Amino acid sequence: MPTQLQLPLNEEQVRALQLNEQVELTGRIYTARDAVHKFLSEAEPKEIMQAPDLTNAVFYHCGPVIIKEQGAWKVTAAGPTTSMREEPYMAGLIEKFALKAVIGKGGMGAATAAACKRFGCVYLHAVGGAAQVLASTVKNIPSVHFLEEFGFPEALWCFEVEKFPAVVSMDAKGNSLHKQVLQDSLQEKTVLCP
């Protein structure tokens, strides 16, 4: 059974999560891609006044497909995007906003792993290729920020999700499933191709 997590998370909950643990998130998450990461990392506090309070937030590396239906936003696809592109910004944003989780695919690097350990954050791997299934967990879109500045896929969308599924692939203790898989693969390669 997946661990049920009600957002926002506190540091104690985050530090208790184990590598490879299946979780389901319920609450608010924020989509964030390249433009928002760069902007938030460089912006002064007065420049981000139109943004929501991102303290203890969960960032989802996702460029959602969203339509307007009967005057309301509706998500039709919300699959994860490759997280490594955000490596230059992620550690600083984890510290700046006390982020508690980052969702994406493919894992992240050493700087993000160190920030997760230091500040109490986890990286959650979402299944690629399941964009419509993940979109079905979005029950409401209460707000969108920086839509005019960055456009639909790059805007900061606030999603209220219910039972959003993911796996802890980088924990708050400095462990990384992605690093383990790479090391195991290199070792296996050495055995098979000496």
C-alpha atoms as a PDB file:
ATOM      1  CA  MET A   1       0.000   0.000   0.000  1.00  0.00           C
ATOM      2  CA  PRO A   2       1.373   3.438  -0.882  1.00  0.00           C
ATOM      3  CA  THR A   3       2.028   5.864   1.962  1.00  0.00           C
ATOM      4  CA  GLN A   4      -0.660   8.551   1.970  1.00  0.00           C
ATOM      5  CA  LEU A   5       0.799  12.050   2.256  1.00  0.00           C
ATOM      6  CA  GLN A   6      -1.346  15.102   2.940  1.00  0.00           C
ATOM      7  CA  LEU A   7       0.265  18.331   1.723  1.00  0.00           C
ATOM      8  CA  PRO A   8       1.889  20.497   2.892  1.00  0.00           C
ATOM      9  CA  LEU A   9       4.524  18.227   4.423  1.00  0.00           C
ATOM     10  CA  ASN A  10       6.687  19.008   7.418  1.00  0.00           C
ATOM     11  CA  GLU A  11      10.376  18.188   7.751  1.00  0.00           C
ATOM     12  CA  GLU A  12       9.782  15.261  10.098  1.00  0.00           C
ATOM     13  CA  GLN A  13       7.469  13.564   7.566  1.00  0.00           C
ATOM     14  CA  VAL A  14       9.962  14.129   4.760  1.00  0.00           C
ATOM     15  CA  ARG A  15      12.930  12.750   6.699  1.00  0.00           C
ATOM     16  CA  ALA A  16      10.943   9.617   7.569  1.00  0.00           C
ATOM     17  CA  LEU A  17      10.405   8.704   3.888  1.00  0.00           C
ATOM     18  CA  GLN A  18      12.502   5.796   2.647  1.00  0.00           C
ATOM     19  CA  LEU A  19      14.182   5.220  -0.687  1.00  0.00           C
ATOM     20  CA  ASN A  20      11.890   3.232  -3.019  1.00  0.00           C
ATOM     21  CA  GLU A  21       8.797   4.001  -0.917  1.00  0.00           C
ATOM     22  CA  GLN A  22       5.591   4.367  -2.901  1.00  0.00           C
ATOM     23  CA  VAL A  23       3.570   7.447  -1.980  1.00  0.00           C
ATOM     24  CA  GLU A  24       0.337   9.153  -2.953  1.00  0.00           C
ATOM     25  CA  LEU A  25       0.098  12.923  -2.561  1.00  0.00           C
ATOM     26  CA  THR A  26      -3.071  14.827  -1.752  1.00  0.00           C
ATOM     27  CA  GLY A  27      -3.043  18.616  -1.623  1.00  0.00           C
ATOM     28  CA  ARG A  28      -1.394  21.440  -3.567  1.00  0.00           C
ATOM     29  CA  ILE A  29       1.556  21.028  -5.917  1.00  0.00           C
ATOM     30  CA  TYR A  30       3.067  23.590  -8.307  1.00  0.00           C
ATOM     31  CA  THR A  31       4.259  22.870 -11.830  1.00  0.00           C
ATOM     32  CA  ALA A  32       7.623  24.376 -12.651  1.00  0.00           C
ATOM     33  CA  ARG A  33       9.851  24.180 -15.691  1.00  0.00           C
ATOM     34  CA  ASP A  34      12.945  25.959 -16.973  1.00  0.00           C
ATOM     35  CA  ALA A  35      11.642  29.541 -17.172  1.00  0.00           C
ATOM     36  CA  VAL A  36      10.085  29.560 -13.693  1.00  0.00           C
ATOM     37  CA  HIS A  37      13.127  27.896 -12.102  1.00  0.00           C
ATOM     38  CA  LYS A  38      15.457  30.484 -13.612  1.00  0.00           C
ATOM     39  CA  PHE A  39      13.169  33.394 -12.727  1.00  0.00           C
ATOM     40  CA  LEU A  40      12.552  32.309  -9.119  1.00  0.00           C
ATOM     41  CA  SER A  41      16.225  31.618  -8.517  1.00  0.00           C
ATOM     42  CA  GLU A  42      17.305  35.064  -9.760  1.00  0.00           C
ATOM     43  CA  ALA A  43      14.355  37.231  -8.660  1.00  0.00           C
ATOM     44  CA  GLU A  44      14.369  39.588  -5.716  1.00  0.00           C
ATOM     45  CA  PRO A  45      11.468  39.165  -3.238  1.00  0.00           C
ATOM     46  CA  LYS A  46       9.630  42.228  -4.609  1.00  0.00           C
ATOM     47  CA  GLU A  47       9.728  40.715  -8.124  1.00  0.00           C
ATOM     48  CA  ILE A  48       7.830  37.600  -7.079  1.00  0.00           C
ATOM     49  CA  MET A  49       5.028  39.281  -5.181  1.00  0.00           C
ATOM     50  CA  GLN A  50       2.465  37.908  -7.639  1.00  0.00           C
ATOM     51  CA  ALA A  51       3.613  34.348  -6.890  1.00  0.00           C
ATOM     52  CA  PRO A  52       1.913  32.314  -4.179  1.00  0.00           C
ATOM     53  CA  ASP A  53       3.678  31.583  -0.905  1.00  0.00           C
ATOM     54  CA  LEU A  54       5.905  28.686  -1.939  1.00  0.00           C
ATOM     55  CA  THR A  55       7.216  27.924   1.548  1.00  0.00           C
ATOM     56  CA  ASN A  56       7.208  24.129   2.102  1.00  0.00           C
ATOM     57  CA  ALA A  57       5.798  23.640  -1.409  1.00  0.00           C
ATOM     58  CA  VAL A  58       6.096  20.679  -3.758  1.00  0.00           C
ATOM     59  CA  PHE A  59       7.433  21.465  -7.238  1.00  0.00           C
ATOM     60  CA  TYR A  60       6.386  19.233 -10.131  1.00  0.00           C
ATOM     61  CA  HIS A  61       8.617  19.261 -13.218  1.00  0.00           C
ATOM     62  CA  CYS A  62       5.781  19.256 -15.708  1.00  0.00           C
ATOM     63  CA  GLY A  63       4.594  21.221 -18.722  1.00  0.00           C
ATOM     64  CA  PRO A  64       0.889  20.395 -18.527  1.00  0.00           C
ATOM     65  CA  VAL A  65      -1.587  20.444 -21.384  1.00  0.00           C
ATOM     66  CA  ILE A  66      -4.444  22.631 -20.187  1.00  0.00           C
ATOM     67  CA  ILE A  67      -7.660  23.785 -21.824  1.00  0.00           C
ATOM     68  CA  LYS A  68     -10.409  26.129 -20.726  1.00  0.00           C
ATOM     69  CA  GLU A  69     -13.757  24.390 -20.471  1.00  0.00           C
ATOM     70  CA  GLN A  70     -16.927  26.258 -19.418  1.00  0.00           C
ATOM     71  CA  GLY A  71     -14.810  29.061 -17.982  1.00  0.00           C
ATOM     72  CA  ALA A  72     -12.570  26.800 -15.882  1.00  0.00           C
ATOM     73  CA  TRP A  73      -9.081  25.388 -16.466  1.00  0.00           C
ATOM     74  CA  LYS A  74      -8.893  21.640 -17.084  1.00  0.00           C
ATOM     75  CA  VAL A  75      -5.768  19.490 -17.269  1.00  0.00           C
ATOM     76  CA  THR A  76      -5.776  16.947 -20.103  1.00  0.00           C
ATOM     77  CA  ALA A  77      -2.179  15.728 -19.726  1.00  0.00           C
ATOM     78  CA  ALA A  78       0.279  16.193 -16.869  1.00  0.00           C
ATOM     79  CA  GLY A  79       3.251  13.897 -17.335  1.00  0.00           C
ATOM     80  CA  PRO A  80       6.640  14.555 -15.753  1.00  0.00           C
ATOM     81  CA  THR A  81       9.441  16.182 -17.680  1.00  0.00           C
ATOM     82  CA  THR A  82      13.154  15.424 -17.324  1.00  0.00           C
ATOM     83  CA  SER A  83      14.351  16.940 -14.070  1.00  0.00           C
ATOM     84  CA  MET A  84      18.087  17.137 -14.723  1.00  0.00           C
ATOM     85  CA  ARG A  85      17.561  20.350 -16.736  1.00  0.00           C
ATOM     86  CA  GLU A  86      16.707  22.071 -13.462  1.00  0.00           C
ATOM     87  CA  GLU A  87      19.866  20.955 -11.651  1.00  0.00           C
ATOM     88  CA  PRO A  88      21.505  24.422 -11.887  1.00  0.00           C
ATOM     89  CA  TYR A  89      18.579  25.939  -9.944  1.00  0.00           C
ATOM     90  CA  MET A  90      17.124  23.206  -7.744  1.00  0.00           C
ATOM     91  CA  ALA A  91      19.435  23.306  -4.718  1.00  0.00           C
ATOM     92  CA  GLY A  92      19.030  27.075  -4.399  1.00  0.00           C
ATOM     93  CA  LEU A  93      15.241  26.845  -4.675  1.00  0.00           C
ATOM     94  CA  ILE A  94      15.065  24.058  -2.091  1.00  0.00           C
ATOM     95  CA  GLU A  95      16.905  26.354   0.308  1.00  0.00           C
ATOM     96  CA  LYS A  96      15.088  29.576  -0.684  1.00  0.00           C
ATOM     97  CA  PHE A  97      11.560  28.175  -0.336  1.00  0.00           C
ATOM     98  CA  ALA A  98      12.167  25.251   2.063  1.00  0.00           C
ATOM     99  CA  LEU A  99      10.693  22.966  -0.611  1.00  0.00           C
ATOM    100  CA  LYS A 100       9.673  19.605   0.797  1.00  0.00           C
ATOM    101  CA  ALA A 101       9.470  17.580  -2.409  1.00  0.00           C
ATOM    102  CA  VAL A 102      10.348  17.757  -6.077  1.00  0.00           C
ATOM    103  CA  ILE A 103       8.529  15.528  -8.564  1.00  0.00           C
ATOM    104  CA  GLY A 104       9.841  14.649 -12.000  1.00  0.00           C
ATOM    105  CA  LYS A 105      11.496  11.888 -13.961  1.00  0.00           C
ATOM    106  CA  GLY A 106      15.075  10.753 -14.391  1.00  0.00           C
ATOM    107  CA  GLY A 107      16.459  11.952 -11.071  1.00  0.00           C
ATOM    108  CA  MET A 108      18.749  14.849 -10.281  1.00  0.00           C
ATOM    109  CA  GLY A 109      22.395  15.472  -9.493  1.00  0.00           C
ATOM    110  CA  ALA A 110      24.728  15.821  -6.537  1.00  0.00           C
ATOM    111  CA  ALA A 111      23.846  19.443  -5.698  1.00  0.00           C
ATOM    112  CA  THR A 112      20.143  18.625  -5.412  1.00  0.00           C
ATOM    113  CA  ALA A 113      20.882  15.472  -3.382  1.00  0.00           C
ATOM    114  CA  ALA A 114      22.996  17.516  -0.965  1.00  0.00           C
ATOM    115  CA  ALA A 115      20.250  20.163  -0.627  1.00  0.00           C
ATOM    116  CA  CYS A 116      17.654  17.453   0.029  1.00  0.00           C
ATOM    117  CA  LYS A 117      19.801  16.077   2.829  1.00  0.00           C
ATOM    118  CA  ARG A 118      20.629  19.471   4.319  1.00  0.00           C
ATOM    119  CA  PHE A 119      17.184  21.073   4.185  1.00  0.00           C
ATOM    120  CA  GLY A 120      14.822  18.081   4.357  1.00  0.00           C
ATOM    121  CA  CYS A 121      13.464  17.489   0.864  1.00  0.00           C
ATOM    122  CA  VAL A 122      12.857  14.397  -1.294  1.00  0.00           C
ATOM    123  CA  TYR A 123      12.809  13.741  -5.010  1.00  0.00           C
ATOM    124  CA  LEU A 124       9.770  11.783  -6.154  1.00  0.00           C
ATOM    125  CA  HIS A 125       9.822   9.900  -9.429  1.00  0.00           C
ATOM    126  CA  ALA A 126       6.567  10.046 -11.402  1.00  0.00           C
ATOM    127  CA  VAL A 127       5.893   7.562 -14.181  1.00  0.00           C
ATOM    128  CA  GLY A 128       6.665   8.890 -17.641  1.00  0.00           C
ATOM    129  CA  GLY A 129       4.138   8.020 -20.347  1.00  0.00           C
ATOM    130  CA  ALA A 130       1.205   8.227 -17.918  1.00  0.00           C
ATOM    131  CA  ALA A 131       0.289  11.867 -18.577  1.00  0.00           C
ATOM    132  CA  GLN A 132      -3.475  11.292 -18.737  1.00  0.00           C
ATOM    133  CA  VAL A 133      -3.506   9.065 -15.649  1.00  0.00           C
ATOM    134  CA  LEU A 134      -1.590  11.704 -13.689  1.00  0.00           C
ATOM    135  CA  ALA A 135      -3.888  14.431 -15.035  1.00  0.00           C
ATOM    136  CA  SER A 136      -6.854  12.514 -13.605  1.00  0.00           C
ATOM    137  CA  THR A 137      -5.476  13.121 -10.087  1.00  0.00           C
ATOM    138  CA  VAL A 138      -5.798  16.914 -10.592  1.00  0.00           C
ATOM    139  CA  LYS A 139      -9.130  17.855  -9.042  1.00  0.00           C
ATOM    140  CA  ASN A 140      -8.851  21.636  -9.238  1.00  0.00           C
ATOM    141  CA  ILE A 141      -6.616  24.436 -10.533  1.00  0.00           C
ATOM    142  CA  PRO A 142      -7.011  27.289  -8.028  1.00  0.00           C
ATOM    143  CA  SER A 143      -4.457  29.574  -9.649  1.00  0.00           C
ATOM    144  CA  VAL A 144      -1.861  30.132 -12.338  1.00  0.00           C
ATOM    145  CA  HIS A 145       1.086  32.531 -12.126  1.00  0.00           C
ATOM    146  CA  PHE A 146       3.402  34.020 -14.786  1.00  0.00           C
ATOM    147  CA  LEU A 147       1.137  32.823 -17.621  1.00  0.00           C
ATOM    148  CA  GLU A 148       1.574  36.008 -19.654  1.00  0.00           C
ATOM    149  CA  GLU A 149       5.325  36.093 -19.078  1.00  0.00           C
ATOM    150  CA  PHE A 150       6.151  32.462 -19.865  1.00  0.00           C
ATOM    151  CA  GLY A 151       3.174  30.846 -21.641  1.00  0.00           C
ATOM    152  CA  PHE A 152       1.137  27.734 -20.870  1.00  0.00           C
ATOM    153  CA  PRO A 153       3.726  24.977 -20.393  1.00  0.00           C
ATOM    154  CA  GLU A 154       6.209  27.194 -18.515  1.00  0.00           C
ATOM    155  CA  ALA A 155       3.759  28.962 -16.184  1.00  0.00           C
ATOM    156  CA  LEU A 156       3.532  28.167 -12.483  1.00  0.00           C
ATOM    157  CA  TRP A 157       0.280  26.211 -12.210  1.00  0.00           C
ATOM    158  CA  CYS A 158      -1.202  25.366  -8.820  1.00  0.00           C
ATOM    159  CA  PHE A 159      -2.830  21.928  -8.861  1.00  0.00           C
ATOM    160  CA  GLU A 160      -4.970  20.431  -6.136  1.00  0.00           C
ATOM    161  CA  VAL A 161      -4.282  16.730  -6.506  1.00  0.00           C
ATOM    162  CA  GLU A 162      -5.769  13.640  -4.927  1.00  0.00           C
ATOM    163  CA  LYS A 163      -3.673  10.477  -4.570  1.00  0.00           C
ATOM    164  CA  PHE A 164      -0.985  11.558  -7.034  1.00  0.00           C
ATOM    165  CA  PRO A 165       1.292   8.468  -7.289  1.00  0.00           C
ATOM    166  CA  ALA A 166       5.089   8.622  -7.087  1.00  0.00           C
ATOM    167  CA  VAL A 167       8.134   6.770  -5.735  1.00  0.00           C
ATOM    168  CA  VAL A 168      10.817   8.200  -3.441  1.00  0.00           C
ATOM    169  CA  SER A 169      13.933   7.938  -5.596  1.00  0.00           C
ATOM    170  CA  MET A 170      16.109  10.466  -3.715  1.00  0.00           C
ATOM    171  CA  ASP A 171      15.592  10.654   0.036  1.00  0.00           C
ATOM    172  CA  ALA A 172      16.476  13.253   2.670  1.00  0.00           C
ATOM    173  CA  LYS A 173      19.408  11.148   3.878  1.00  0.00           C
ATOM    174  CA  GLY A 174      21.489  11.627   0.725  1.00  0.00           C
ATOM    175  CA  ASN A 175      20.551   8.321  -0.951  1.00  0.00           C
ATOM    176  CA  SER A 176      19.674   8.180  -4.640  1.00  0.00           C
ATOM    177  CA  LEU A 177      18.064   5.265  -6.442  1.00  0.00           C
ATOM    178  CA  HIS A 178      19.242   6.825  -9.724  1.00  0.00           C
ATOM    179  CA  LYS A 179      22.854   6.788  -8.523  1.00  0.00           C
ATOM    180  CA  GLN A 180      22.492   3.190  -7.326  1.00  0.00           C
ATOM    181  CA  VAL A 181      21.114   2.044 -10.684  1.00  0.00           C
ATOM    182  CA  LEU A 182      23.985   3.773 -12.511  1.00  0.00           C
ATOM    183  CA  GLN A 183      26.593   2.172 -10.245  1.00  0.00           C
ATOM    184  CA  ASP A 184      24.979  -1.283 -10.575  1.00  0.00           C
ATOM    185  CA  SER A 185      24.806  -0.906 -14.359  1.00  0.00           C
ATOM    186  CA  LEU A 186      28.478   0.080 -14.601  1.00  0.00           C
ATOM    187  CA  GLN A 187      29.442  -2.860 -12.394  1.00  0.00           C
ATOM    188  CA  GLU A 188      27.371  -5.270 -14.509  1.00  0.00           C
ATOM    189  CA  LYS A 189      28.929  -3.831 -17.672  1.00  0.00           C
ATOM    190  CA  THR A 190      32.412  -4.466 -16.249  1.00  0.00           C
ATOM    191  CA  VAL A 191      31.472  -8.098 -15.455  1.00  0.00           C
ATOM    192  CA  LEU A 192      29.974  -8.728 -18.892  1.00  0.00           C
ATOM    193  CA  CYS A 193      32.563  -6.769 -20.900  1.00  0.00           C
ATOM    194  CA  PRO A 194      35.909  -6.934 -19.034  1.00  0.00           C
END
